[in-house]
PDB file of N, CA and C in Angstrom:
ATOM      1  N   MET A   1     -45.769 -26.393-103.355  1.00  0.00           N
ATOM      2  CA  MET A   1     -46.460 -27.081-102.304  1.00  0.00           C
ATOM      3  C   MET A   1     -46.012 -26.610-100.922  1.00  0.00           C
ATOM      4  N   LYS A   2     -44.776 -26.223-100.788  1.00  0.00           N
ATOM      5  CA  LYS A   2     -44.265 -25.739 -99.507  1.00  0.00           C
ATOM      6  C   LYS A   2     -45.008 -24.496 -99.063  1.00  0.00           C
ATOM      7  N   SER A   3     -45.369 -23.646 -99.988  1.00  0.00           N
ATOM      8  CA  SER A   3     -46.074 -22.405 -99.676  1.00  0.00           C
ATOM      9  C   SER A   3     -47.438 -22.700 -99.050  1.00  0.00           C
ATOM     10  N   VAL A   4     -48.143 -23.653 -99.584  1.00  0.00           N
ATOM     11  CA  VAL A   4     -49.457 -24.031 -99.074  1.00  0.00           C
ATOM     12  C   VAL A   4     -49.312 -24.625 -97.668  1.00  0.00           C
ATOM     13  N   GLU A   5     -48.308 -25.449 -97.471  1.00  0.00           N
ATOM     14  CA  GLU A   5     -48.076 -26.029 -96.156  1.00  0.00           C
ATOM     15  C   GLU A   5     -47.747 -24.944 -95.132  1.00  0.00           C
ATOM     16  N   ARG A   6     -46.958 -23.972 -95.543  1.00  0.00           N
ATOM     17  CA  ARG A   6     -46.584 -22.876 -94.642  1.00  0.00           C
ATOM     18  C   ARG A   6     -47.817 -22.047 -94.277  1.00  0.00           C
ATOM     19  N   ILE A   7     -48.653 -21.752 -95.257  1.00  0.00           N
ATOM     20  CA  ILE A   7     -49.878 -20.977 -94.996  1.00  0.00           C
ATOM     21  C   ILE A   7     -50.797 -21.750 -94.053  1.00  0.00           C
ATOM     22  N   THR A   8     -50.921 -23.044 -94.267  1.00  0.00           N
ATOM     23  CA  THR A   8     -51.744 -23.876 -93.401  1.00  0.00           C
ATOM     24  C   THR A   8     -51.190 -23.875 -91.982  1.00  0.00           C
ATOM     25  N   SER A   9     -49.891 -23.950 -91.858  1.00  0.00           N
ATOM     26  CA  SER A   9     -49.249 -23.932 -90.545  1.00  0.00           C
ATOM     27  C   SER A   9     -49.492 -22.605 -89.834  1.00  0.00           C
ATOM     28  N   VAL A  10     -49.357 -21.505 -90.554  1.00  0.00           N
ATOM     29  CA  VAL A  10     -49.585 -20.175 -89.966  1.00  0.00           C
ATOM     30  C   VAL A  10     -51.042 -20.033 -89.552  1.00  0.00           C
ATOM     31  N   LYS A  11     -51.964 -20.489 -90.384  1.00  0.00           N
ATOM     32  CA  LYS A  11     -53.388 -20.433 -90.043  1.00  0.00           C
ATOM     33  C   LYS A  11     -53.663 -21.234 -88.771  1.00  0.00           C
ATOM     34  N   SER A  12     -53.048 -22.394 -88.683  1.00  0.00           N
ATOM     35  CA  SER A  12     -53.241 -23.250 -87.510  1.00  0.00           C
ATOM     36  C   SER A  12     -52.708 -22.560 -86.252  1.00  0.00           C
ATOM     37  N   GLU A  13     -51.530 -21.944 -86.355  1.00  0.00           N
ATOM     38  CA  GLU A  13     -50.957 -21.228 -85.215  1.00  0.00           C
ATOM     39  C   GLU A  13     -51.837 -20.061 -84.796  1.00  0.00           C
ATOM     40  N   LEU A  14     -52.348 -19.317 -85.770  1.00  0.00           N
ATOM     41  CA  LEU A  14     -53.228 -18.182 -85.462  1.00  0.00           C
ATOM     42  C   LEU A  14     -54.504 -18.661 -84.780  1.00  0.00           C
ATOM     43  N   LEU A  15     -55.050 -19.755 -85.245  1.00  0.00           N
ATOM     44  CA  LEU A  15     -56.259 -20.308 -84.632  1.00  0.00           C
ATOM     45  C   LEU A  15     -55.973 -20.736 -83.192  1.00  0.00           C
ATOM     46  N   ASP A  16     -54.837 -21.377 -82.965  1.00  0.00           N
ATOM     47  CA  ASP A  16     -54.446 -21.783 -81.610  1.00  0.00           C
ATOM     48  C   ASP A  16     -54.314 -20.565 -80.689  1.00  0.00           C
ATOM     49  N   ILE A  17     -53.683 -19.508 -81.212  1.00  0.00           N
ATOM     50  CA  ILE A  17     -53.519 -18.281 -80.415  1.00  0.00           C
ATOM     51  C   ILE A  17     -54.874 -17.680 -80.078  1.00  0.00           C
ATOM     52  N   LEU A  18     -55.751 -17.610 -81.066  1.00  0.00           N
ATOM     53  CA  LEU A  18     -57.088 -17.050 -80.847  1.00  0.00           C
ATOM     54  C   LEU A  18     -57.861 -17.860 -79.818  1.00  0.00           C
ATOM     55  N   MET A  19     -57.816 -19.176 -79.925  1.00  0.00           N
ATOM     56  CA  MET A  19     -58.534 -20.027 -78.977  1.00  0.00           C
ATOM     57  C   MET A  19     -57.964 -19.856 -77.567  1.00  0.00           C
ATOM     58  N   SER A  20     -56.661 -19.746 -77.468  1.00  0.00           N
ATOM     59  CA  SER A  20     -56.029 -19.541 -76.162  1.00  0.00           C
ATOM     60  C   SER A  20     -56.472 -18.215 -75.555  1.00  0.00           C
ATOM     61  N   MET A  21     -56.555 -17.180 -76.379  1.00  0.00           N
ATOM     62  CA  MET A  21     -57.007 -15.872 -75.893  1.00  0.00           C
ATOM     63  C   MET A  21     -58.449 -15.956 -75.408  1.00  0.00           C
ATOM     64  N   LYS A  22     -59.286 -16.667 -76.136  1.00  0.00           N
ATOM     65  CA  LYS A  22     -60.691 -16.795 -75.745  1.00  0.00           C
ATOM     66  C   LYS A  22     -60.820 -17.552 -74.425  1.00  0.00           C
ATOM     67  N   VAL A  23     -60.006 -18.574 -74.238  1.00  0.00           N
ATOM     68  CA  VAL A  23     -60.034 -19.342 -72.980  1.00  0.00           C
ATOM     69  C   VAL A  23     -59.617 -18.420 -71.829  1.00  0.00           C
ATOM     70  N   ASP A  24     -58.569 -17.634 -72.028  1.00  0.00           N
ATOM     71  CA  ASP A  24     -58.110 -16.705 -70.992  1.00  0.00           C
ATOM     72  C   ASP A  24     -59.177 -15.657 -70.676  1.00  0.00           C
ATOM     73  N   GLU A  25     -59.822 -15.131 -71.710  1.00  0.00           N
ATOM     74  CA  GLU A  25     -60.890 -14.142 -71.493  1.00  0.00           C
ATOM     75  C   GLU A  25     -62.043 -14.755 -70.710  1.00  0.00           C
ATOM     76  N   HIS A  26     -62.395 -15.978 -71.037  1.00  0.00           N
ATOM     77  CA  HIS A  26     -63.492 -16.659 -70.337  1.00  0.00           C
ATOM     78  C   HIS A  26     -63.145 -16.864 -68.864  1.00  0.00           C
ATOM     79  N   ALA A  27     -61.922 -17.302 -68.609  1.00  0.00           N
ATOM     80  CA  ALA A  27     -61.491 -17.519 -67.227  1.00  0.00           C
ATOM     81  C   ALA A  27     -61.506 -16.199 -66.455  1.00  0.00           C
ATOM     82  N   GLU A  28     -61.081 -15.116 -67.064  1.00  0.00           N
ATOM     83  CA  GLU A  28     -61.084 -13.807 -66.401  1.00  0.00           C
ATOM     84  C   GLU A  28     -62.514 -13.351 -66.108  1.00  0.00           C
ATOM     85  N   ARG A  29     -63.426 -13.578 -67.050  1.00  0.00           N
ATOM     86  CA  ARG A  29     -64.835 -13.221 -66.815  1.00  0.00           C
ATOM     87  C   ARG A  29     -65.418 -14.033 -65.662  1.00  0.00           C
ATOM     88  N   GLN A  30     -65.056 -15.296 -65.586  1.00  0.00           N
ATOM     89  CA  GLN A  30     -65.544 -16.128 -64.483  1.00  0.00           C
ATOM     90  C   GLN A  30     -65.009 -15.627 -63.144  1.00  0.00           C
ATOM     91  N   ARG A  31     -63.722 -15.287 -63.083  1.00  0.00           N
ATOM     92  CA  ARG A  31     -63.145 -14.772 -61.831  1.00  0.00           C
ATOM     93  C   ARG A  31     -63.821 -13.461 -61.438  1.00  0.00           C
ATOM     94  N   SER A  32     -64.040 -12.596 -62.414  1.00  0.00           N
ATOM     95  CA  SER A  32     -64.671 -11.310 -62.137  1.00  0.00           C
ATOM     96  C   SER A  32     -66.104 -11.503 -61.636  1.00  0.00           C
ATOM     97  N   ALA A  33     -66.822 -12.408 -62.264  1.00  0.00           N
ATOM     98  CA  ALA A  33     -68.200 -12.680 -61.842  1.00  0.00           C
ATOM     99  C   ALA A  33     -68.227 -13.256 -60.429  1.00  0.00           C
ATOM    100  N   ALA A  34     -67.291 -14.132 -60.115  1.00  0.00           N
ATOM    101  CA  ALA A  34     -67.234 -14.716 -58.769  1.00  0.00           C
ATOM    102  C   ALA A  34     -66.942 -13.633 -57.729  1.00  0.00           C
ATOM    103  N   GLN A  35     -66.039 -12.707 -58.044  1.00  0.00           N
ATOM    104  CA  GLN A  35     -65.731 -11.618 -57.120  1.00  0.00           C
ATOM    105  C   GLN A  35     -66.943 -10.719 -56.907  1.00  0.00           C
ATOM    106  N   ARG A  36     -67.657 -10.387 -57.988  1.00  0.00           N
ATOM    107  CA  ARG A  36     -68.867  -9.563 -57.858  1.00  0.00           C
ATOM    108  C   ARG A  36     -69.910 -10.269 -57.007  1.00  0.00           C
ATOM    109  N   HIS A  37     -70.064 -11.564 -57.219  1.00  0.00           N
ATOM    110  CA  HIS A  37     -71.030 -12.345 -56.452  1.00  0.00           C
ATOM    111  C   HIS A  37     -70.680 -12.329 -54.962  1.00  0.00           C
ATOM    112  N   LEU A  38     -69.414 -12.526 -54.648  1.00  0.00           N
ATOM    113  CA  LEU A  38     -68.996 -12.523 -53.246  1.00  0.00           C
ATOM    114  C   LEU A  38     -69.168 -11.153 -52.602  1.00  0.00           C
ATOM    115  N   ARG A  39     -68.866 -10.074 -53.356  1.00  0.00           N
ATOM    116  CA  ARG A  39     -69.067  -8.716 -52.806  1.00  0.00           C
ATOM    117  C   ARG A  39     -70.538  -8.457 -52.541  1.00  0.00           C
ATOM    118  N   ALA A  40     -71.395  -8.882 -53.461  1.00  0.00           N
ATOM    119  CA  ALA A  40     -72.838  -8.684 -53.272  1.00  0.00           C
ATOM    120  C   ALA A  40     -73.326  -9.491 -52.074  1.00  0.00           C
ATOM    121  N   ARG A  41     -72.864 -10.712 -51.969  1.00  0.00           N
ATOM    122  CA  ARG A  41     -73.274 -11.561 -50.847  1.00  0.00           C
ATOM    123  C   ARG A  41     -72.826 -10.966 -49.519  1.00  0.00           C
ATOM    124  N   ARG A  42     -71.593 -10.484 -49.471  1.00  0.00           N
ATOM    125  CA  ARG A  42     -71.091  -9.874 -48.227  1.00  0.00           C
ATOM    126  C   ARG A  42     -71.863  -8.593 -47.912  1.00  0.00           C
ATOM    127  N   GLY A  43     -72.230  -7.841 -48.939  1.00  0.00           N
ATOM    128  CA  GLY A  43     -73.033  -6.637 -48.721  1.00  0.00           C
ATOM    129  C   GLY A  43     -74.379  -6.967 -48.098  1.00  0.00           C
ATOM    130  N   ILE A  44     -75.006  -8.021 -48.590  1.00  0.00           N
ATOM    131  CA  ILE A  44     -76.293  -8.448 -48.028  1.00  0.00           C
ATOM    132  C   ILE A  44     -76.120  -8.903 -46.587  1.00  0.00           C
ATOM    133  N   GLU A  45     -75.072  -9.696 -46.338  1.00  0.00           N
ATOM    134  CA  GLU A  45     -74.815 -10.153 -44.967  1.00  0.00           C
ATOM    135  C   GLU A  45     -74.560  -8.978 -44.032  1.00  0.00           C
ATOM    136  N   LEU A  46     -73.791  -8.011 -44.482  1.00  0.00           N
ATOM    137  CA  LEU A  46     -73.491  -6.832 -43.666  1.00  0.00           C
ATOM    138  C   LEU A  46     -74.767  -6.045 -43.378  1.00  0.00           C
ATOM    139  N   HIS A  47     -75.617  -5.896 -44.382  1.00  0.00           N
ATOM    140  CA  HIS A  47     -76.882  -5.189 -44.194  1.00  0.00           C
ATOM    141  C   HIS A  47     -77.734  -5.887 -43.132  1.00  0.00           C
ATOM    142  N   ARG A  48     -77.794  -7.212 -43.215  1.00  0.00           N
ATOM    143  CA  ARG A  48     -78.580  -7.974 -42.238  1.00  0.00           C
ATOM    144  C   ARG A  48     -77.981  -7.867 -40.835  1.00  0.00           C
ATOM    145  N   GLU A  49     -76.648  -7.895 -40.745  1.00  0.00           N
ATOM    146  CA  GLU A  49     -75.997  -7.750 -39.442  1.00  0.00           C
ATOM    147  C   GLU A  49     -76.308  -6.390 -38.823  1.00  0.00           C
ATOM    148  N   ILE A  50     -76.263  -5.337 -39.630  1.00  0.00           N
ATOM    149  CA  ILE A  50     -76.556  -3.984 -39.138  1.00  0.00           C
ATOM    150  C   ILE A  50     -78.006  -3.896 -38.679  1.00  0.00           C
ATOM    151  N   GLN A  51     -78.925  -4.469 -39.458  1.00  0.00           N
ATOM    152  CA  GLN A  51     -80.329  -4.460 -39.050  1.00  0.00           C
ATOM    153  C   GLN A  51     -80.515  -5.188 -37.720  1.00  0.00           C
ATOM    154  N   LYS A  52     -79.881  -6.355 -37.568  1.00  0.00           N
ATOM    155  CA  LYS A  52     -80.019  -7.120 -36.332  1.00  0.00           C
ATOM    156  C   LYS A  52     -79.421  -6.358 -35.148  1.00  0.00           C
ATOM    157  N   LEU A  53     -78.245  -5.777 -35.339  1.00  0.00           N
ATOM    158  CA  LEU A  53     -77.630  -5.008 -34.252  1.00  0.00           C
ATOM    159  C   LEU A  53     -78.488  -3.810 -33.874  1.00  0.00           C
ATOM    160  N   SER A  54     -79.033  -3.126 -34.873  1.00  0.00           N
ATOM    161  CA  SER A  54     -79.898  -1.981 -34.592  1.00  0.00           C
ATOM    162  C   SER A  54     -81.108  -2.406 -33.784  1.00  0.00           C
ATOM    163  N   LYS A  55     -81.670  -3.542 -34.149  1.00  0.00           N
ATOM    164  CA  LYS A  55     -82.839  -4.048 -33.418  1.00  0.00           C
ATOM    165  C   LYS A  55     -82.443  -4.463 -31.997  1.00  0.00           C
ATOM    166  N   ASP A  56     -81.280  -5.101 -31.871  1.00  0.00           N
ATOM    167  CA  ASP A  56     -80.831  -5.583 -30.561  1.00  0.00           C
ATOM    168  C   ASP A  56     -80.510  -4.441 -29.595  1.00  0.00           C
ATOM    169  N   ILE A  57     -80.001  -3.329 -30.091  1.00  0.00           N
ATOM    170  CA  ILE A  57     -79.618  -2.231 -29.196  1.00  0.00           C
ATOM    171  C   ILE A  57     -80.628  -1.092 -29.190  1.00  0.00           C
ATOM    172  N   ALA A  58     -81.738  -1.271 -29.881  1.00  0.00           N
ATOM    173  CA  ALA A  58     -82.765  -0.229 -29.916  1.00  0.00           C
ATOM    174  C   ALA A  58     -83.317  -0.014 -28.511  1.00  0.00           C
ATOM    175  N   PRO A  59     -83.606   1.226 -28.156  1.00  0.00           N
ATOM    176  CA  PRO A  59     -84.166   1.491 -26.819  1.00  0.00           C
ATOM    177  C   PRO A  59     -85.556   0.877 -26.681  1.00  0.00           C
ATOM    178  N   LEU A  60     -85.852   0.470 -25.476  1.00  0.00           N
ATOM    179  CA  LEU A  60     -87.174  -0.086 -25.190  1.00  0.00           C
ATOM    180  C   LEU A  60     -88.191   1.045 -25.128  1.00  0.00           C
ATOM    181  N   PRO A  61     -89.451   0.736 -25.410  1.00  0.00           N
ATOM    182  CA  PRO A  61     -90.488   1.764 -25.249  1.00  0.00           C
ATOM    183  C   PRO A  61     -90.533   2.242 -23.798  1.00  0.00           C
ATOM    184  N   ASP A  62     -90.987   3.468 -23.563  1.00  0.00           N
ATOM    185  CA  ASP A  62     -90.985   4.077 -22.230  1.00  0.00           C
ATOM    186  C   ASP A  62     -91.702   3.234 -21.180  1.00  0.00           C
ATOM    187  N   ASP A  63     -92.847   2.653 -21.509  1.00  0.00           N
ATOM    188  CA  ASP A  63     -93.596   1.915 -20.493  1.00  0.00           C
ATOM    189  C   ASP A  63     -92.917   0.597 -20.122  1.00  0.00           C
ATOM    190  N   GLU A  64     -92.062   0.069 -20.938  1.00  0.00           N
ATOM    191  CA  GLU A  64     -91.354  -1.162 -20.608  1.00  0.00           C
ATOM    192  C   GLU A  64     -89.978  -0.883 -19.987  1.00  0.00           C
ATOM    193  N   GLU A  65     -89.487   0.298 -20.173  1.00  0.00           N
ATOM    194  CA  GLU A  65     -88.157   0.606 -19.718  1.00  0.00           C
ATOM    195  C   GLU A  65     -88.073   0.635 -18.194  1.00  0.00           C
ATOM    196  N   TYR A  66     -89.057   1.241 -17.527  1.00  0.00           N
ATOM    197  CA  TYR A  66     -89.084   1.333 -16.078  1.00  0.00           C
ATOM    198  C   TYR A  66     -90.415   0.815 -15.563  1.00  0.00           C
ATOM    199  N   PRO A  67     -90.505  -0.426 -15.182  1.00  0.00           N
ATOM    200  CA  PRO A  67     -91.771  -0.939 -14.641  1.00  0.00           C
ATOM    201  C   PRO A  67     -92.131  -0.178 -13.377  1.00  0.00           C
ATOM    202  N   GLU A  68     -93.423  -0.018 -13.115  1.00  0.00           N
ATOM    203  CA  GLU A  68     -93.906   0.770 -11.976  1.00  0.00           C
ATOM    204  C   GLU A  68     -93.414   0.218 -10.642  1.00  0.00           C
ATOM    205  N   SER A  69     -93.270  -1.066 -10.523  1.00  0.00           N
ATOM    206  CA  SER A  69     -92.837  -1.629  -9.247  1.00  0.00           C
ATOM    207  C   SER A  69     -91.414  -1.194  -8.904  1.00  0.00           C
ATOM    208  N   ASP A  70     -90.586  -0.901  -9.876  1.00  0.00           N
ATOM    209  CA  ASP A  70     -89.217  -0.450  -9.620  1.00  0.00           C
ATOM    210  C   ASP A  70     -89.163   1.027  -9.236  1.00  0.00           C
ATOM    211  N   LEU A  71     -90.151   1.796  -9.609  1.00  0.00           N
ATOM    212  CA  LEU A  71     -90.141   3.227  -9.346  1.00  0.00           C
ATOM    213  C   LEU A  71     -90.549   3.553  -7.914  1.00  0.00           C
ATOM    214  N   HIS A  72     -91.334   2.723  -7.260  1.00  0.00           N
ATOM    215  CA  HIS A  72     -91.847   3.030  -5.918  1.00  0.00           C
ATOM    216  C   HIS A  72     -91.088   2.373  -4.842  1.00  0.00           C
TER     217      HIS A  72
END
């Protein structure tokens, strides 16, 4: 009977170890996904900032740049 109890105990320990590993893997996948999400979000924000800055500093069309009243 001791042999059966020992086997049951070892099986239980192995199951606990496996479940712990799965929990750790899940937590790591969640952290990795969160990091990817934040990098993508920052990339989008950076793209929008560059577009806005480009628009803000873009040269004016020639006819608006120097109104005729300023030239004479």
